Amino acid sequence: MAILTKINIAGENIGEVEVAESLCTAPYKPELAHAVYVAIMASRRSGNACTKTKGEVKATGAKPWRQKGTGRARAGYRSSPIWRGGGVAFGPKPRSYDKKVNKRDKKTAFYGILAEIIRENKISVIENWDLEAPKAKIIAALKEKTGSRKLLCVGDPKDINARLSARNIPATSFVEAGSLNVIDLADSTEVIISESGLKLLESRCE
């Protein structure tokens, strides 16, 4: 069982929090984490790039000039890919970039990288994210206090003010615990999670 530092919104140490054994002993598999990372990034691609082929270009079907006797190269149609305004040879068409990853593998990769973060002591538990109003300077001061290069804040859907406060700070993001994924964890150097968010992750790990 691991012990995490508990802080308040000012970044002051106010105690300790015990983490469930299941959350900090999960095996970290870099190859699996990479596969899940790539799959999530690929699924975010729109895949809507589209070009017209020579058969789809609106152009006359008449031969530009006669076959022989002009001194110019032979030309059969104006929609040829070698002509300006013609079709595109082997151009992109709408497609899906999704990669299949099993739910079990996604869960294993997620809790594996989370356990590695806990073992490296790169995560803290915050008492709450309660802010009376959006204040970017509060989150900025918290980031400076932790000395983090890329800070990931994890909370609940109700923490609207904290999310609005974090969005204008460079290299800082706020994610709901229920939406947390491998990319969020892999792209951060320090994680600060609310107590309720930590309990949610512990319940899902069992």
C-alpha atoms as a PDB file:
ATOM      1  CA  MET A   1       0.000   0.000   0.000  1.00  0.00           C
ATOM      2  CA  ALA A   2       1.360   3.412  -1.036  1.00  0.00           C
ATOM      3  CA  ILE A   3       1.089   6.679   0.824  1.00  0.00           C
ATOM      4  CA  LEU A   4       0.411   9.847  -1.161  1.00  0.00           C
ATOM      5  CA  THR A   5       0.894  13.424  -0.061  1.00  0.00           C
ATOM      6  CA  LYS A   6      -2.301  15.367   0.549  1.00  0.00           C
ATOM      7  CA  ILE A   7      -2.295  19.068  -0.270  1.00  0.00           C
ATOM      8  CA  ASN A   8      -4.728  21.959  -0.339  1.00  0.00           C
ATOM      9  CA  ILE A   9      -5.491  24.370  -3.170  1.00  0.00           C
ATOM     10  CA  ALA A  10      -2.496  26.500  -2.135  1.00  0.00           C
ATOM     11  CA  GLY A  11      -0.128  23.538  -2.557  1.00  0.00           C
ATOM     12  CA  GLU A  12       0.536  23.190   1.170  1.00  0.00           C
ATOM     13  CA  ASN A  13       1.089  19.743   2.660  1.00  0.00           C
ATOM     14  CA  ILE A  14      -1.814  18.936   4.990  1.00  0.00           C
ATOM     15  CA  GLY A  15      -1.470  15.183   5.494  1.00  0.00           C
ATOM     16  CA  GLU A  16      -1.277  11.814   3.811  1.00  0.00           C
ATOM     17  CA  VAL A  17      -3.652   9.514   1.920  1.00  0.00           C
ATOM     18  CA  GLU A  18      -3.431   5.731   1.664  1.00  0.00           C
ATOM     19  CA  VAL A  19      -3.852   4.194  -1.777  1.00  0.00           C
ATOM     20  CA  ALA A  20      -5.446   0.801  -2.342  1.00  0.00           C
ATOM     21  CA  GLU A  21      -2.995  -2.021  -2.964  1.00  0.00           C
ATOM     22  CA  SER A  22      -4.664  -2.866  -6.281  1.00  0.00           C
ATOM     23  CA  LEU A  23      -3.981   0.642  -7.596  1.00  0.00           C
ATOM     24  CA  CYS A  24      -0.252   0.768  -6.943  1.00  0.00           C
ATOM     25  CA  THR A  25       0.819  -2.804  -7.745  1.00  0.00           C
ATOM     26  CA  ALA A  26      -0.491  -3.071 -11.314  1.00  0.00           C
ATOM     27  CA  PRO A  27       2.301  -4.120 -13.724  1.00  0.00           C
ATOM     28  CA  TYR A  28       3.526  -1.445 -16.122  1.00  0.00           C
ATOM     29  CA  LYS A  29       3.929  -2.682 -19.709  1.00  0.00           C
ATOM     30  CA  PRO A  30       5.494   0.001 -21.934  1.00  0.00           C
ATOM     31  CA  GLU A  31       4.716  -1.835 -25.197  1.00  0.00           C
ATOM     32  CA  LEU A  32       1.042  -2.193 -24.301  1.00  0.00           C
ATOM     33  CA  ALA A  33       0.827   1.420 -23.113  1.00  0.00           C
ATOM     34  CA  HIS A  34       2.343   2.563 -26.414  1.00  0.00           C
ATOM     35  CA  ALA A  35      -0.136   0.484 -28.432  1.00  0.00           C
ATOM     36  CA  VAL A  36      -3.083   1.963 -26.534  1.00  0.00           C
ATOM     37  CA  TYR A  37      -1.632   5.479 -26.866  1.00  0.00           C
ATOM     38  CA  VAL A  38      -1.316   5.088 -30.638  1.00  0.00           C
ATOM     39  CA  ALA A  39      -4.827   3.613 -30.906  1.00  0.00           C
ATOM     40  CA  ILE A  40      -6.413   6.524 -29.026  1.00  0.00           C
ATOM     41  CA  MET A  41      -4.536   9.109 -31.096  1.00  0.00           C
ATOM     42  CA  ALA A  42      -5.487   7.323 -34.317  1.00  0.00           C
ATOM     43  CA  SER A  43      -9.166   7.255 -33.356  1.00  0.00           C
ATOM     44  CA  ARG A  44      -9.089  11.047 -32.968  1.00  0.00           C
ATOM     45  CA  ARG A  45      -8.163  11.557 -36.610  1.00  0.00           C
ATOM     46  CA  SER A  46     -11.106  12.734 -38.674  1.00  0.00           C
ATOM     47  CA  GLY A  47     -10.037  10.811 -41.779  1.00  0.00           C
ATOM     48  CA  ASN A  48     -12.088  13.103 -44.039  1.00  0.00           C
ATOM     49  CA  ALA A  49      -9.335  14.102 -46.504  1.00  0.00           C
ATOM     50  CA  CYS A  50     -10.686  13.603 -50.010  1.00  0.00           C
ATOM     51  CA  THR A  51      -9.361  14.206 -53.534  1.00  0.00           C
ATOM     52  CA  LYS A  52     -10.967  13.604 -56.924  1.00  0.00           C
ATOM     53  CA  THR A  53      -9.719  10.942 -59.292  1.00  0.00           C
ATOM     54  CA  LYS A  54      -9.500  11.526 -63.041  1.00  0.00           C
ATOM     55  CA  GLY A  55     -12.953   9.975 -63.391  1.00  0.00           C
ATOM     56  CA  GLU A  56     -14.502  12.363 -60.866  1.00  0.00           C
ATOM     57  CA  VAL A  57     -13.079  15.616 -62.254  1.00  0.00           C
ATOM     58  CA  LYS A  58     -15.566  17.659 -64.247  1.00  0.00           C
ATOM     59  CA  ALA A  59     -13.901  18.052 -67.630  1.00  0.00           C
ATOM     60  CA  THR A  60     -14.642  17.544 -71.284  1.00  0.00           C
ATOM     61  CA  GLY A  61     -14.104  14.120 -72.721  1.00  0.00           C
ATOM     62  CA  ALA A  62     -12.825  15.523 -76.006  1.00  0.00           C
ATOM     63  CA  LYS A  63      -9.263  14.831 -77.019  1.00  0.00           C
ATOM     64  CA  PRO A  64      -7.214  18.050 -76.526  1.00  0.00           C
ATOM     65  CA  TRP A  65      -5.501  17.735 -79.902  1.00  0.00           C
ATOM     66  CA  ARG A  66      -5.014  15.156 -82.590  1.00  0.00           C
ATOM     67  CA  GLN A  67      -2.754  12.204 -81.892  1.00  0.00           C
ATOM     68  CA  LYS A  68      -0.026  12.900 -84.432  1.00  0.00           C
ATOM     69  CA  GLY A  69       1.523  15.746 -86.351  1.00  0.00           C
ATOM     70  CA  THR A  70       1.463  18.527 -83.756  1.00  0.00           C
ATOM     71  CA  GLY A  71       4.933  17.958 -82.295  1.00  0.00           C
ATOM     72  CA  ARG A  72       3.473  17.794 -78.819  1.00  0.00           C
ATOM     73  CA  ALA A  73       3.146  14.808 -76.554  1.00  0.00           C
ATOM     74  CA  ARG A  74       0.108  12.604 -76.930  1.00  0.00           C
ATOM     75  CA  ALA A  75      -2.858  13.631 -74.769  1.00  0.00           C
ATOM     76  CA  GLY A  76      -6.126  11.765 -74.429  1.00  0.00           C
ATOM     77  CA  TYR A  77      -8.144  13.733 -71.844  1.00  0.00           C
ATOM     78  CA  ARG A  78      -7.968  16.954 -69.823  1.00  0.00           C
ATOM     79  CA  SER A  79      -8.676  15.226 -66.511  1.00  0.00           C
ATOM     80  CA  SER A  80      -5.309  13.459 -66.607  1.00  0.00           C
ATOM     81  CA  PRO A  81      -3.388  13.612 -63.300  1.00  0.00           C
ATOM     82  CA  ILE A  82      -0.397  15.173 -65.080  1.00  0.00           C
ATOM     83  CA  TRP A  83      -2.476  18.179 -66.136  1.00  0.00           C
ATOM     84  CA  ARG A  84      -3.250  21.238 -64.037  1.00  0.00           C
ATOM     85  CA  GLY A  85      -6.855  20.910 -62.862  1.00  0.00           C
ATOM     86  CA  GLY A  86      -6.821  17.191 -63.501  1.00  0.00           C
ATOM     87  CA  GLY A  87      -7.503  14.379 -61.076  1.00  0.00           C
ATOM     88  CA  VAL A  88      -5.153  13.176 -58.354  1.00  0.00           C
ATOM     89  CA  ALA A  89      -3.413   9.844 -58.716  1.00  0.00           C
ATOM     90  CA  PHE A  90      -3.528   7.738 -55.556  1.00  0.00           C
ATOM     91  CA  GLY A  91      -4.890  10.650 -53.511  1.00  0.00           C
ATOM     92  CA  PRO A  92      -6.531  10.270 -50.079  1.00  0.00           C
ATOM     93  CA  LYS A  93     -10.138   9.221 -49.662  1.00  0.00           C
ATOM     94  CA  PRO A  94     -12.291   9.317 -46.504  1.00  0.00           C
ATOM     95  CA  ARG A  95     -11.310   6.462 -44.221  1.00  0.00           C
ATOM     96  CA  SER A  96     -11.232   5.382 -40.606  1.00  0.00           C
ATOM     97  CA  TYR A  97      -7.912   5.254 -38.749  1.00  0.00           C
ATOM     98  CA  ASP A  98      -9.317   3.321 -35.789  1.00  0.00           C
ATOM     99  CA  LYS A  99      -7.172   0.555 -34.370  1.00  0.00           C
ATOM    100  CA  LYS A 100      -8.696  -2.316 -32.441  1.00  0.00           C
ATOM    101  CA  VAL A 101      -7.582  -2.652 -28.835  1.00  0.00           C
ATOM    102  CA  ASN A 102      -9.311  -4.957 -26.372  1.00  0.00           C
ATOM    103  CA  LYS A 103     -11.004  -3.397 -23.332  1.00  0.00           C
ATOM    104  CA  ARG A 104      -8.882  -5.572 -21.070  1.00  0.00           C
ATOM    105  CA  ASP A 105      -5.694  -4.264 -22.697  1.00  0.00           C
ATOM    106  CA  LYS A 106      -6.887  -0.661 -22.350  1.00  0.00           C
ATOM    107  CA  LYS A 107      -7.572  -1.189 -18.666  1.00  0.00           C
ATOM    108  CA  THR A 108      -4.248  -2.963 -18.109  1.00  0.00           C
ATOM    109  CA  ALA A 109      -2.318  -0.193 -19.857  1.00  0.00           C
ATOM    110  CA  PHE A 110      -4.153   2.567 -17.989  1.00  0.00           C
ATOM    111  CA  TYR A 111      -3.716   1.150 -14.494  1.00  0.00           C
ATOM    112  CA  GLY A 112      -0.174   0.071 -15.302  1.00  0.00           C
ATOM    113  CA  ILE A 113       0.965   3.588 -16.153  1.00  0.00           C
ATOM    114  CA  LEU A 114      -1.020   4.992 -13.204  1.00  0.00           C
ATOM    115  CA  ALA A 115       0.718   2.558 -10.846  1.00  0.00           C
ATOM    116  CA  GLU A 116       4.096   3.573 -12.298  1.00  0.00           C
ATOM    117  CA  ILE A 117       3.287   7.235 -11.622  1.00  0.00           C
ATOM    118  CA  ILE A 118       2.371   6.364  -8.034  1.00  0.00           C
ATOM    119  CA  ARG A 119       5.559   4.348  -7.550  1.00  0.00           C
ATOM    120  CA  GLU A 120       7.628   7.260  -8.891  1.00  0.00           C
ATOM    121  CA  ASN A 121       5.858   9.607  -6.465  1.00  0.00           C
ATOM    122  CA  LYS A 122       4.650  11.915  -9.251  1.00  0.00           C
ATOM    123  CA  ILE A 123       1.078  12.170  -7.983  1.00  0.00           C
ATOM    124  CA  SER A 124      -0.523  14.145  -5.143  1.00  0.00           C
ATOM    125  CA  VAL A 125      -4.028  14.177  -3.690  1.00  0.00           C
ATOM    126  CA  ILE A 126      -5.793  17.497  -3.290  1.00  0.00           C
ATOM    127  CA  GLU A 127      -8.416  18.064  -0.641  1.00  0.00           C
ATOM    128  CA  ASN A 128     -10.823  19.550  -3.193  1.00  0.00           C
ATOM    129  CA  TRP A 129     -10.937  21.799  -6.243  1.00  0.00           C
ATOM    130  CA  ASP A 130     -13.480  24.177  -4.755  1.00  0.00           C
ATOM    131  CA  LEU A 131     -13.024  27.671  -6.194  1.00  0.00           C
ATOM    132  CA  GLU A 132     -15.552  30.450  -5.728  1.00  0.00           C
ATOM    133  CA  ALA A 133     -14.799  31.728  -9.225  1.00  0.00           C
ATOM    134  CA  PRO A 134     -12.422  30.935 -12.095  1.00  0.00           C
ATOM    135  CA  LYS A 135      -8.983  32.171 -11.017  1.00  0.00           C
ATOM    136  CA  ALA A 136      -6.090  31.183 -13.275  1.00  0.00           C
ATOM    137  CA  LYS A 137      -3.523  32.610 -10.868  1.00  0.00           C
ATOM    138  CA  ILE A 138      -4.539  30.065  -8.199  1.00  0.00           C
ATOM    139  CA  ILE A 139      -3.824  27.101 -10.479  1.00  0.00           C
ATOM    140  CA  ALA A 140      -0.685  28.830 -11.788  1.00  0.00           C
ATOM    141  CA  ALA A 141       0.582  29.265  -8.233  1.00  0.00           C
ATOM    142  CA  LEU A 142      -0.196  25.610  -7.511  1.00  0.00           C
ATOM    143  CA  LYS A 143       1.777  24.533 -10.582  1.00  0.00           C
ATOM    144  CA  GLU A 144       4.721  26.684  -9.569  1.00  0.00           C
ATOM    145  CA  LYS A 145       4.566  25.250  -6.051  1.00  0.00           C
ATOM    146  CA  THR A 146       4.789  21.678  -7.353  1.00  0.00           C
ATOM    147  CA  GLY A 147       7.553  22.588  -9.820  1.00  0.00           C
ATOM    148  CA  SER A 148       5.822  20.587 -12.540  1.00  0.00           C
ATOM    149  CA  ARG A 149       6.646  21.034 -16.216  1.00  0.00           C
ATOM    150  CA  LYS A 150       3.330  19.549 -17.412  1.00  0.00           C
ATOM    151  CA  LEU A 151       0.628  19.485 -14.774  1.00  0.00           C
ATOM    152  CA  LEU A 152      -2.448  17.280 -14.981  1.00  0.00           C
ATOM    153  CA  CYS A 153      -5.339  18.134 -12.676  1.00  0.00           C
ATOM    154  CA  VAL A 154      -7.971  15.454 -12.134  1.00  0.00           C
ATOM    155  CA  GLY A 155     -11.327  16.171 -10.544  1.00  0.00           C
ATOM    156  CA  ASP A 156     -15.098  15.834 -10.844  1.00  0.00           C
ATOM    157  CA  PRO A 157     -17.673  17.251 -13.288  1.00  0.00           C
ATOM    158  CA  LYS A 158     -18.750  19.736 -10.613  1.00  0.00           C
ATOM    159  CA  ASP A 159     -15.269  21.360 -10.547  1.00  0.00           C
ATOM    160  CA  ILE A 160     -16.168  23.795 -13.315  1.00  0.00           C
ATOM    161  CA  ASN A 161     -14.265  26.768 -11.909  1.00  0.00           C
ATOM    162  CA  ALA A 162     -11.080  24.730 -11.585  1.00  0.00           C
ATOM    163  CA  ARG A 163     -11.387  23.509 -15.170  1.00  0.00           C
ATOM    164  CA  LEU A 164     -11.925  27.059 -16.439  1.00  0.00           C
ATOM    165  CA  SER A 165      -8.964  28.256 -14.374  1.00  0.00           C
ATOM    166  CA  ALA A 166      -6.593  25.653 -15.795  1.00  0.00           C
ATOM    167  CA  ARG A 167      -7.413  26.029 -19.470  1.00  0.00           C
ATOM    168  CA  ASN A 168      -5.481  29.303 -19.935  1.00  0.00           C
ATOM    169  CA  ILE A 169      -2.296  28.101 -18.247  1.00  0.00           C
ATOM    170  CA  PRO A 170       0.405  26.669 -20.543  1.00  0.00           C
ATOM    171  CA  ALA A 171       1.220  22.975 -20.103  1.00  0.00           C
ATOM    172  CA  THR A 172      -1.699  22.548 -17.689  1.00  0.00           C
ATOM    173  CA  SER A 173      -4.873  20.546 -18.222  1.00  0.00           C
ATOM    174  CA  PHE A 174      -7.911  19.569 -16.190  1.00  0.00           C
ATOM    175  CA  VAL A 175      -9.594  16.206 -16.781  1.00  0.00           C
ATOM    176  CA  GLU A 176     -12.530  14.525 -15.093  1.00  0.00           C
ATOM    177  CA  ALA A 177     -11.590  11.282 -13.365  1.00  0.00           C
ATOM    178  CA  GLY A 178     -14.148   9.358 -15.393  1.00  0.00           C
ATOM    179  CA  SER A 179     -12.578  10.544 -18.671  1.00  0.00           C
ATOM    180  CA  LEU A 180      -8.944  10.023 -17.700  1.00  0.00           C
ATOM    181  CA  ASN A 181      -6.976   7.935 -20.205  1.00  0.00           C
ATOM    182  CA  VAL A 182      -3.477   6.759 -21.077  1.00  0.00           C
ATOM    183  CA  ILE A 183      -2.664   9.875 -23.131  1.00  0.00           C
ATOM    184  CA  ASP A 184      -3.485  12.210 -20.238  1.00  0.00           C
ATOM    185  CA  LEU A 185      -1.192  10.303 -17.899  1.00  0.00           C
ATOM    186  CA  ALA A 186       1.636   9.789 -20.389  1.00  0.00           C
ATOM    187  CA  ASP A 187       1.762  13.462 -21.414  1.00  0.00           C
ATOM    188  CA  SER A 188       2.080  14.819 -17.869  1.00  0.00           C
ATOM    189  CA  THR A 189       5.013  15.047 -15.474  1.00  0.00           C
ATOM    190  CA  GLU A 190       2.925  15.645 -12.352  1.00  0.00           C
ATOM    191  CA  VAL A 191      -0.620  14.622 -11.431  1.00  0.00           C
ATOM    192  CA  ILE A 192      -2.863  16.202  -8.811  1.00  0.00           C
ATOM    193  CA  ILE A 193      -6.092  14.286  -8.219  1.00  0.00           C
ATOM    194  CA  SER A 194      -9.035  14.962  -5.939  1.00  0.00           C
ATOM    195  CA  GLU A 195      -9.924  12.482  -3.202  1.00  0.00           C
ATOM    196  CA  SER A 196     -13.231  11.649  -4.887  1.00  0.00           C
ATOM    197  CA  GLY A 197     -11.442  11.047  -8.194  1.00  0.00           C
ATOM    198  CA  LEU A 198      -8.953   8.735  -6.515  1.00  0.00           C
ATOM    199  CA  LYS A 199     -11.783   6.722  -4.942  1.00  0.00           C
ATOM    200  CA  LEU A 200     -13.420   6.404  -8.363  1.00  0.00           C
ATOM    201  CA  LEU A 201     -10.225   4.991  -9.887  1.00  0.00           C
ATOM    202  CA  GLU A 202      -9.814   2.595  -6.955  1.00  0.00           C
ATOM    203  CA  SER A 203     -13.359   1.270  -7.364  1.00  0.00           C
ATOM    204  CA  ARG A 204     -12.856   0.668 -11.080  1.00  0.00           C
ATOM    205  CA  CYS A 205      -9.539  -1.083 -10.563  1.00  0.00           C
ATOM    206  CA  GLU A 206     -11.096  -3.831  -8.435  1.00  0.00           C
END
